[in-house]
Amino acid sequence: MSNTQKKLTGANIIINDDTTSWLNSVSIEEDYEPSDKEEFMCDAQLKFFQTKLLDWRKLLIIESDHTLESLKSTHMKEPDDADRATAESDTNIELRTRERYLKLITKIDKALEQIENKSYGYCIETGEEIGIKRLEARPIASLTVAAQEARETKEKLMHETDVES
């Protein structure tokens, strides 16, 4: 078994060439869609989300590599001030995009760990089921909609209190 490591902006991202997941023995049809009629987070659903997350992760790594290549090919020695400002602005956008990808990869890795220990799909605050539809829309979700809304309301209130102080 071999792992390939890539260096992405100071972070080590491990790409598993072959995983040792207990889900390797689980197979699902290519057109499988999770259903509310099944037991929540049964092996088939976990396999579905694992596959979805791994595919998303690979895509982000490929995009991050393209961003890196783009940054390497950008020349910051433009003779014109306007051209240099545009190049710097483009570089800043690329760097923010790359940083966003790294954060997403970290969240995907956490979700994959939760799949491995069978805690995926359950709210980290309440322990309730997050729901298939929410997970399909946002596979890295770790809170139910209600818990997410409560957290956002609390953060908003804390921010308003800080502003008033």
N, C-alpha and C. Protein backbone atom coordinates (compact mmCIF):
# COMPACT_ATOMS: atom_id res chain seq x y z
N MET A 1 0.84 -1.16 0.00
CA MET A 1 0.00 0.00 0.00
C MET A 1 0.89 1.23 0.00
N SER A 2 0.56 2.18 -0.86
CA SER A 2 1.38 3.39 -0.93
C SER A 2 0.50 4.62 -0.86
N ASN A 3 1.01 5.66 -0.23
CA ASN A 3 0.33 6.95 -0.18
C ASN A 3 1.20 7.96 -0.90
N THR A 4 0.58 8.79 -1.70
CA THR A 4 1.28 9.86 -2.37
C THR A 4 1.02 11.13 -1.60
N GLN A 5 2.08 11.90 -1.32
CA GLN A 5 1.89 13.16 -0.62
C GLN A 5 2.14 14.30 -1.58
N LYS A 6 1.29 15.31 -1.50
CA LYS A 6 1.46 16.53 -2.28
C LYS A 6 1.57 17.68 -1.32
N LYS A 7 2.42 18.61 -1.61
CA LYS A 7 2.59 19.80 -0.77
C LYS A 7 1.73 20.90 -1.38
N LEU A 8 0.74 21.38 -0.62
CA LEU A 8 -0.13 22.44 -1.10
C LEU A 8 -0.10 23.59 -0.11
N THR A 9 0.54 24.66 -0.47
CA THR A 9 0.63 25.87 0.35
C THR A 9 0.90 25.55 1.81
N GLY A 10 1.94 24.82 2.08
CA GLY A 10 2.33 24.56 3.46
C GLY A 10 1.55 23.44 4.13
N ALA A 11 0.61 22.83 3.44
CA ALA A 11 -0.17 21.74 4.05
C ALA A 11 0.14 20.45 3.31
N ASN A 12 0.29 19.37 4.06
CA ASN A 12 0.48 18.07 3.44
C ASN A 12 -0.87 17.44 3.18
N ILE A 13 -1.15 17.19 1.93
CA ILE A 13 -2.40 16.54 1.55
C ILE A 13 -2.05 15.14 1.09
N ILE A 14 -2.64 14.16 1.72
CA ILE A 14 -2.34 12.77 1.36
C ILE A 14 -3.42 12.27 0.41
N ILE A 15 -2.98 11.76 -0.70
CA ILE A 15 -3.88 11.17 -1.66
C ILE A 15 -3.73 9.66 -1.53
N ASN A 16 -4.79 9.00 -1.14
CA ASN A 16 -4.72 7.55 -0.98
C ASN A 16 -4.84 6.89 -2.34
N ASP A 17 -3.77 6.20 -2.74
CA ASP A 17 -3.81 5.45 -3.98
C ASP A 17 -4.75 4.26 -3.82
N ASP A 18 -4.70 3.61 -2.69
CA ASP A 18 -5.62 2.53 -2.37
C ASP A 18 -5.88 2.60 -0.87
N THR A 19 -7.14 2.69 -0.52
CA THR A 19 -7.48 2.85 0.88
C THR A 19 -7.70 1.49 1.52
N THR A 20 -7.60 1.49 2.83
CA THR A 20 -7.84 0.26 3.58
C THR A 20 -9.15 0.37 4.33
N SER A 21 -10.10 1.02 3.72
CA SER A 21 -11.41 1.23 4.33
C SER A 21 -12.18 -0.08 4.44
N TRP A 22 -12.92 -0.21 5.53
CA TRP A 22 -13.79 -1.36 5.68
C TRP A 22 -14.88 -1.35 4.61
N LEU A 23 -15.09 -0.19 3.97
CA LEU A 23 -16.11 -0.09 2.92
C LEU A 23 -15.63 -0.65 1.56
N ASN A 24 -14.36 -1.03 1.46
CA ASN A 24 -13.87 -1.59 0.20
C ASN A 24 -14.64 -2.84 -0.20
N SER A 25 -15.16 -3.56 0.78
CA SER A 25 -15.90 -4.79 0.47
C SER A 25 -17.37 -4.50 0.14
N VAL A 26 -17.80 -3.26 0.31
CA VAL A 26 -19.19 -2.88 0.01
C VAL A 26 -19.24 -2.36 -1.42
N SER A 27 -20.21 -2.85 -2.17
CA SER A 27 -20.37 -2.35 -3.54
C SER A 27 -21.80 -1.84 -3.72
N ILE A 28 -21.90 -0.78 -4.50
CA ILE A 28 -23.20 -0.20 -4.82
C ILE A 28 -23.30 -0.03 -6.33
N GLU A 29 -24.51 -0.01 -6.83
CA GLU A 29 -24.72 0.21 -8.25
C GLU A 29 -24.27 1.62 -8.62
N GLU A 30 -23.85 1.80 -9.85
CA GLU A 30 -23.39 3.11 -10.29
C GLU A 30 -24.48 4.18 -10.18
N ASP A 31 -25.72 3.78 -10.35
CA ASP A 31 -26.84 4.74 -10.30
C ASP A 31 -27.54 4.74 -8.94
N TYR A 32 -26.89 4.18 -7.93
CA TYR A 32 -27.47 4.12 -6.59
C TYR A 32 -27.74 5.52 -6.05
N GLU A 33 -28.90 5.69 -5.46
CA GLU A 33 -29.28 6.92 -4.78
C GLU A 33 -29.77 6.56 -3.38
N PRO A 34 -29.24 7.20 -2.36
CA PRO A 34 -29.71 6.91 -0.99
C PRO A 34 -31.20 7.23 -0.87
N SER A 35 -31.88 6.47 -0.03
CA SER A 35 -33.32 6.63 0.14
C SER A 35 -33.66 6.70 1.62
N ASP A 36 -34.72 7.45 1.92
CA ASP A 36 -35.21 7.52 3.30
C ASP A 36 -35.83 6.19 3.73
N LYS A 37 -36.09 5.30 2.78
CA LYS A 37 -36.69 4.00 3.09
C LYS A 37 -35.66 3.03 3.67
N GLU A 38 -34.38 3.32 3.44
CA GLU A 38 -33.31 2.47 3.97
C GLU A 38 -32.99 2.90 5.40
N GLU A 39 -32.31 2.01 6.10
CA GLU A 39 -31.80 2.37 7.42
C GLU A 39 -30.81 3.52 7.24
N PHE A 40 -30.93 4.55 8.09
CA PHE A 40 -30.07 5.73 7.96
C PHE A 40 -28.61 5.34 8.14
N MET A 41 -27.80 5.75 7.22
CA MET A 41 -26.36 5.51 7.17
C MET A 41 -25.99 4.03 7.22
N CYS A 42 -26.76 3.27 6.44
CA CYS A 42 -26.41 1.86 6.23
C CYS A 42 -25.13 1.82 5.40
N ASP A 43 -24.56 0.66 5.23
CA ASP A 43 -23.29 0.53 4.52
C ASP A 43 -23.37 1.11 3.10
N ALA A 44 -24.49 0.89 2.41
CA ALA A 44 -24.63 1.40 1.04
C ALA A 44 -24.60 2.93 1.03
N GLN A 45 -25.28 3.56 1.98
CA GLN A 45 -25.28 5.01 2.05
C GLN A 45 -23.89 5.54 2.40
N LEU A 46 -23.22 4.89 3.33
CA LEU A 46 -21.86 5.30 3.69
C LEU A 46 -20.92 5.18 2.49
N LYS A 47 -21.07 4.10 1.72
CA LYS A 47 -20.25 3.90 0.53
C LYS A 47 -20.55 4.99 -0.50
N PHE A 48 -21.82 5.33 -0.67
CA PHE A 48 -22.23 6.38 -1.61
C PHE A 48 -21.54 7.70 -1.25
N PHE A 49 -21.63 8.08 0.02
CA PHE A 49 -21.04 9.36 0.44
C PHE A 49 -19.51 9.31 0.43
N GLN A 50 -18.94 8.16 0.75
CA GLN A 50 -17.48 8.03 0.67
C GLN A 50 -17.02 8.28 -0.77
N THR A 51 -17.70 7.66 -1.71
CA THR A 51 -17.35 7.81 -3.12
C THR A 51 -17.51 9.27 -3.55
N LYS A 52 -18.61 9.87 -3.16
CA LYS A 52 -18.88 11.27 -3.51
C LYS A 52 -17.80 12.19 -2.94
N LEU A 53 -17.44 11.98 -1.69
CA LEU A 53 -16.42 12.81 -1.04
C LEU A 53 -15.04 12.60 -1.67
N LEU A 54 -14.68 11.35 -1.95
CA LEU A 54 -13.37 11.08 -2.56
C LEU A 54 -13.27 11.70 -3.95
N ASP A 55 -14.37 11.62 -4.73
CA ASP A 55 -14.37 12.24 -6.05
C ASP A 55 -14.22 13.76 -5.95
N TRP A 56 -14.94 14.36 -5.01
CA TRP A 56 -14.86 15.81 -4.81
C TRP A 56 -13.46 16.21 -4.39
N ARG A 57 -12.86 15.41 -3.51
CA ARG A 57 -11.51 15.67 -3.01
C ARG A 57 -10.49 15.63 -4.15
N LYS A 58 -10.60 14.61 -5.00
CA LYS A 58 -9.68 14.49 -6.14
C LYS A 58 -9.82 15.70 -7.07
N LEU A 59 -11.05 16.13 -7.32
CA LEU A 59 -11.30 17.28 -8.17
C LEU A 59 -10.66 18.55 -7.59
N LEU A 60 -10.81 18.73 -6.28
CA LEU A 60 -10.21 19.91 -5.63
C LEU A 60 -8.69 19.89 -5.71
N ILE A 61 -8.10 18.72 -5.57
CA ILE A 61 -6.64 18.61 -5.66
C ILE A 61 -6.18 18.93 -7.08
N ILE A 62 -6.90 18.43 -8.07
CA ILE A 62 -6.56 18.74 -9.46
C ILE A 62 -6.68 20.24 -9.71
N GLU A 63 -7.78 20.83 -9.24
CA GLU A 63 -7.98 22.28 -9.41
C GLU A 63 -6.89 23.06 -8.69
N SER A 64 -6.51 22.60 -7.52
CA SER A 64 -5.45 23.27 -6.75
C SER A 64 -4.12 23.20 -7.50
N ASP A 65 -3.86 22.07 -8.11
CA ASP A 65 -2.64 21.93 -8.92
C ASP A 65 -2.65 22.90 -10.10
N HIS A 66 -3.82 23.05 -10.73
CA HIS A 66 -3.94 24.00 -11.85
C HIS A 66 -3.71 25.43 -11.36
N THR A 67 -4.23 25.72 -10.18
CA THR A 67 -4.03 27.05 -9.60
C THR A 67 -2.54 27.29 -9.35
N LEU A 68 -1.86 26.29 -8.82
CA LEU A 68 -0.43 26.40 -8.55
C LEU A 68 0.33 26.65 -9.85
N GLU A 69 0.00 25.91 -10.88
CA GLU A 69 0.66 26.10 -12.18
C GLU A 69 0.40 27.50 -12.73
N SER A 70 -0.82 27.97 -12.53
CA SER A 70 -1.18 29.32 -12.98
C SER A 70 -0.36 30.36 -12.23
N LEU A 71 -0.19 30.16 -10.93
CA LEU A 71 0.61 31.10 -10.13
C LEU A 71 2.07 31.09 -10.56
N LYS A 72 2.57 29.91 -10.90
CA LYS A 72 3.97 29.80 -11.32
C LYS A 72 4.21 30.51 -12.65
N SER A 73 3.21 30.48 -13.52
CA SER A 73 3.38 31.07 -14.84
C SER A 73 3.08 32.57 -14.87
N THR A 74 2.52 33.10 -13.78
CA THR A 74 2.20 34.52 -13.72
C THR A 74 3.48 35.31 -13.49
N HIS A 75 3.67 36.30 -14.29
CA HIS A 75 4.85 37.15 -14.14
C HIS A 75 4.43 38.44 -13.47
N MET A 76 5.05 38.74 -12.31
CA MET A 76 4.71 39.94 -11.56
C MET A 76 5.59 41.12 -11.96
N LYS A 77 6.35 40.97 -13.01
CA LYS A 77 7.26 42.04 -13.43
C LYS A 77 6.69 42.78 -14.64
N GLU A 78 5.43 43.12 -14.55
CA GLU A 78 4.79 43.85 -15.63
C GLU A 78 5.35 45.28 -15.65
N PRO A 79 5.67 45.81 -16.84
CA PRO A 79 6.24 47.15 -16.90
C PRO A 79 5.24 48.26 -16.55
N ASP A 80 4.00 48.03 -16.85
CA ASP A 80 2.97 49.03 -16.62
C ASP A 80 2.34 48.85 -15.25
N ASP A 81 2.11 49.94 -14.50
CA ASP A 81 1.52 49.86 -13.16
C ASP A 81 0.13 49.22 -13.19
N ALA A 82 -0.65 49.55 -14.19
CA ALA A 82 -2.00 48.99 -14.28
C ALA A 82 -1.95 47.49 -14.53
N ASP A 83 -1.04 47.07 -15.41
CA ASP A 83 -0.88 45.64 -15.68
C ASP A 83 -0.39 44.89 -14.45
N ARG A 84 0.54 45.51 -13.71
CA ARG A 84 1.07 44.89 -12.50
C ARG A 84 -0.04 44.77 -11.44
N ALA A 85 -0.86 45.81 -11.31
CA ALA A 85 -1.97 45.78 -10.35
C ALA A 85 -2.97 44.68 -10.71
N THR A 86 -3.25 44.55 -12.00
CA THR A 86 -4.16 43.49 -12.45
C THR A 86 -3.57 42.12 -12.14
N ALA A 87 -2.28 41.94 -12.41
CA ALA A 87 -1.61 40.66 -12.14
C ALA A 87 -1.64 40.35 -10.65
N GLU A 88 -1.40 41.36 -9.81
CA GLU A 88 -1.44 41.15 -8.36
C GLU A 88 -2.85 40.79 -7.89
N SER A 89 -3.83 41.45 -8.45
CA SER A 89 -5.22 41.14 -8.11
C SER A 89 -5.58 39.72 -8.49
N ASP A 90 -5.17 39.31 -9.69
CA ASP A 90 -5.43 37.94 -10.15
C ASP A 90 -4.73 36.93 -9.24
N THR A 91 -3.51 37.23 -8.84
CA THR A 91 -2.76 36.35 -7.95
C THR A 91 -3.47 36.21 -6.60
N ASN A 92 -3.96 37.33 -6.07
CA ASN A 92 -4.69 37.28 -4.79
C ASN A 92 -5.94 36.43 -4.89
N ILE A 93 -6.65 36.53 -6.00
CA ILE A 93 -7.85 35.71 -6.20
C ILE A 93 -7.47 34.24 -6.26
N GLU A 94 -6.40 33.93 -6.98
CA GLU A 94 -5.93 32.54 -7.08
C GLU A 94 -5.54 31.99 -5.71
N LEU A 95 -4.85 32.81 -4.91
CA LEU A 95 -4.44 32.36 -3.58
C LEU A 95 -5.63 32.14 -2.67
N ARG A 96 -6.63 33.00 -2.74
CA ARG A 96 -7.84 32.81 -1.92
C ARG A 96 -8.59 31.55 -2.35
N THR A 97 -8.62 31.31 -3.64
CA THR A 97 -9.28 30.09 -4.15
C THR A 97 -8.54 28.86 -3.65
N ARG A 98 -7.25 28.89 -3.71
CA ARG A 98 -6.42 27.77 -3.25
C ARG A 98 -6.64 27.52 -1.75
N GLU A 99 -6.69 28.60 -0.98
CA GLU A 99 -6.93 28.48 0.46
C GLU A 99 -8.30 27.88 0.73
N ARG A 100 -9.29 28.28 -0.04
CA ARG A 100 -10.64 27.73 0.10
C ARG A 100 -10.64 26.23 -0.20
N TYR A 101 -9.92 25.82 -1.24
CA TYR A 101 -9.82 24.41 -1.58
C TYR A 101 -9.19 23.62 -0.44
N LEU A 102 -8.13 24.17 0.16
CA LEU A 102 -7.47 23.48 1.26
C LEU A 102 -8.41 23.30 2.45
N LYS A 103 -9.20 24.32 2.75
CA LYS A 103 -10.17 24.21 3.84
C LYS A 103 -11.22 23.15 3.53
N LEU A 104 -11.67 23.12 2.27
CA LEU A 104 -12.65 22.10 1.87
C LEU A 104 -12.05 20.70 1.96
N ILE A 105 -10.82 20.54 1.54
CA ILE A 105 -10.16 19.23 1.61
C ILE A 105 -10.07 18.77 3.06
N THR A 106 -9.77 19.68 3.97
CA THR A 106 -9.69 19.34 5.39
C THR A 106 -11.07 18.88 5.89
N LYS A 107 -12.13 19.58 5.48
CA LYS A 107 -13.48 19.19 5.89
C LYS A 107 -13.88 17.85 5.28
N ILE A 108 -13.47 17.61 4.05
CA ILE A 108 -13.75 16.33 3.39
C ILE A 108 -13.03 15.22 4.14
N ASP A 109 -11.78 15.44 4.50
CA ASP A 109 -11.02 14.42 5.25
C ASP A 109 -11.71 14.10 6.58
N LYS A 110 -12.22 15.12 7.24
CA LYS A 110 -12.93 14.89 8.50
C LYS A 110 -14.19 14.06 8.26
N ALA A 111 -14.92 14.38 7.20
CA ALA A 111 -16.12 13.61 6.87
C ALA A 111 -15.77 12.17 6.54
N LEU A 112 -14.66 11.95 5.84
CA LEU A 112 -14.23 10.59 5.51
C LEU A 112 -13.86 9.82 6.78
N GLU A 113 -13.25 10.50 7.75
CA GLU A 113 -12.96 9.85 9.03
C GLU A 113 -14.25 9.46 9.74
N GLN A 114 -15.24 10.33 9.67
CA GLN A 114 -16.53 10.02 10.29
C GLN A 114 -17.20 8.83 9.61
N ILE A 115 -17.04 8.72 8.31
CA ILE A 115 -17.58 7.56 7.60
C ILE A 115 -16.89 6.29 8.12
N GLU A 116 -15.59 6.34 8.27
CA GLU A 116 -14.84 5.17 8.75
C GLU A 116 -15.28 4.73 10.14
N ASN A 117 -15.59 5.68 11.02
CA ASN A 117 -16.02 5.29 12.36
C ASN A 117 -17.54 5.29 12.53
N LYS A 118 -18.24 5.39 11.42
CA LYS A 118 -19.70 5.29 11.35
C LYS A 118 -20.44 6.38 12.15
N SER A 119 -19.81 7.54 12.30
CA SER A 119 -20.50 8.66 12.94
C SER A 119 -20.96 9.69 11.92
N TYR A 120 -20.70 9.43 10.65
CA TYR A 120 -21.08 10.34 9.57
C TYR A 120 -22.61 10.42 9.47
N GLY A 121 -23.08 11.63 9.21
CA GLY A 121 -24.52 11.81 9.00
C GLY A 121 -25.27 12.21 10.25
N TYR A 122 -24.55 12.30 11.36
CA TYR A 122 -25.18 12.68 12.62
C TYR A 122 -24.61 14.01 13.09
N CYS A 123 -25.48 14.87 13.59
CA CYS A 123 -25.12 16.20 14.04
C CYS A 123 -24.10 16.12 15.18
N ILE A 124 -23.05 16.91 15.07
CA ILE A 124 -22.00 16.89 16.10
C ILE A 124 -22.45 17.58 17.38
N GLU A 125 -23.53 18.35 17.32
CA GLU A 125 -24.02 19.03 18.53
C GLU A 125 -25.19 18.30 19.18
N THR A 126 -26.10 17.78 18.36
CA THR A 126 -27.32 17.18 18.92
C THR A 126 -27.35 15.66 18.82
N GLY A 127 -26.54 15.09 17.92
CA GLY A 127 -26.55 13.65 17.71
C GLY A 127 -27.69 13.18 16.82
N GLU A 128 -28.51 14.12 16.35
CA GLU A 128 -29.63 13.77 15.47
C GLU A 128 -29.14 13.50 14.05
N GLU A 129 -29.98 12.80 13.29
CA GLU A 129 -29.67 12.56 11.88
C GLU A 129 -29.69 13.89 11.12
N ILE A 130 -28.68 14.11 10.31
CA ILE A 130 -28.61 15.34 9.51
C ILE A 130 -29.62 15.29 8.38
N GLY A 131 -29.80 14.15 7.79
CA GLY A 131 -30.75 13.98 6.70
C GLY A 131 -30.05 13.76 5.37
N ILE A 132 -30.61 12.84 4.60
CA ILE A 132 -30.02 12.45 3.31
C ILE A 132 -29.97 13.64 2.35
N LYS A 133 -31.05 14.37 2.22
CA LYS A 133 -31.10 15.48 1.25
C LYS A 133 -30.06 16.54 1.58
N ARG A 134 -29.90 16.87 2.86
CA ARG A 134 -28.89 17.86 3.25
C ARG A 134 -27.49 17.33 2.95
N LEU A 135 -27.24 16.07 3.22
CA LEU A 135 -25.92 15.50 2.96
C LEU A 135 -25.63 15.40 1.47
N GLU A 136 -26.66 15.14 0.68
CA GLU A 136 -26.45 15.12 -0.77
C GLU A 136 -26.08 16.51 -1.27
N ALA A 137 -26.73 17.54 -0.71
CA ALA A 137 -26.44 18.91 -1.12
C ALA A 137 -25.11 19.40 -0.57
N ARG A 138 -24.78 18.99 0.64
CA ARG A 138 -23.55 19.44 1.33
C ARG A 138 -22.96 18.25 2.07
N PRO A 139 -22.20 17.39 1.37
CA PRO A 139 -21.69 16.16 1.99
C PRO A 139 -20.77 16.37 3.19
N ILE A 140 -20.28 17.60 3.38
CA ILE A 140 -19.41 17.86 4.53
C ILE A 140 -20.20 18.46 5.70
N ALA A 141 -21.52 18.50 5.59
CA ALA A 141 -22.34 19.05 6.67
C ALA A 141 -22.14 18.23 7.94
N SER A 142 -21.98 18.95 9.06
CA SER A 142 -21.81 18.26 10.34
C SER A 142 -22.87 18.66 11.35
N LEU A 143 -23.79 19.52 10.92
CA LEU A 143 -24.87 19.99 11.78
C LEU A 143 -26.21 19.84 11.06
N THR A 144 -27.26 19.60 11.84
CA THR A 144 -28.61 19.63 11.25
C THR A 144 -28.90 21.07 10.86
N VAL A 145 -29.93 21.27 10.07
CA VAL A 145 -30.31 22.62 9.67
C VAL A 145 -30.64 23.45 10.91
N ALA A 146 -31.38 22.87 11.85
CA ALA A 146 -31.76 23.60 13.06
C ALA A 146 -30.52 23.99 13.88
N ALA A 147 -29.58 23.07 14.03
CA ALA A 147 -28.36 23.37 14.80
C ALA A 147 -27.52 24.41 14.08
N GLN A 148 -27.47 24.36 12.76
CA GLN A 148 -26.71 25.34 11.97
C GLN A 148 -27.34 26.73 12.13
N GLU A 149 -28.67 26.78 12.05
CA GLU A 149 -29.35 28.06 12.21
C GLU A 149 -29.15 28.63 13.61
N ALA A 150 -29.21 27.78 14.62
CA ALA A 150 -28.99 28.22 16.00
C ALA A 150 -27.57 28.77 16.17
N ARG A 151 -26.60 28.09 15.57
CA ARG A 151 -25.21 28.54 15.66
C ARG A 151 -25.03 29.89 14.97
N GLU A 152 -25.64 30.04 13.79
CA GLU A 152 -25.52 31.30 13.06
C GLU A 152 -26.21 32.45 13.82
N THR A 153 -27.35 32.16 14.43
CA THR A 153 -28.05 33.18 15.22
C THR A 153 -27.19 33.59 16.40
N LYS A 154 -26.59 32.64 17.08
CA LYS A 154 -25.73 32.92 18.22
C LYS A 154 -24.53 33.76 17.79
N GLU A 155 -23.90 33.39 16.66
CA GLU A 155 -22.76 34.15 16.16
C GLU A 155 -23.17 35.57 15.79
N LYS A 156 -24.34 35.72 15.19
CA LYS A 156 -24.83 37.05 14.81
C LYS A 156 -25.06 37.90 16.06
N LEU A 157 -25.67 37.32 17.09
CA LEU A 157 -25.92 38.04 18.33
C LEU A 157 -24.61 38.44 19.01
N MET A 158 -23.63 37.53 18.98
CA MET A 158 -22.34 37.82 19.60
C MET A 158 -21.64 38.95 18.84
N HIS A 159 -21.76 38.94 17.51
CA HIS A 159 -21.15 39.98 16.69
C HIS A 159 -21.82 41.33 16.97
N GLU A 160 -23.14 41.33 17.07
CA GLU A 160 -23.86 42.57 17.35
C GLU A 160 -23.49 43.10 18.73
N THR A 161 -23.31 42.21 19.70
CA THR A 161 -22.91 42.63 21.05
C THR A 161 -21.51 43.23 21.02
N ASP A 162 -20.60 42.64 20.24
CA ASP A 162 -19.24 43.16 20.12
C ASP A 162 -19.23 44.54 19.47
N VAL A 163 -20.07 44.73 18.46
CA VAL A 163 -20.15 46.01 17.76
C VAL A 163 -20.67 47.10 18.69
N GLU A 164 -21.65 46.75 19.52
CA GLU A 164 -22.24 47.73 20.44
C GLU A 164 -21.28 48.11 21.55
N SER A 165 -20.36 47.24 21.90
CA SER A 165 -19.43 47.51 23.01
C SER A 165 -18.42 48.56 22.71
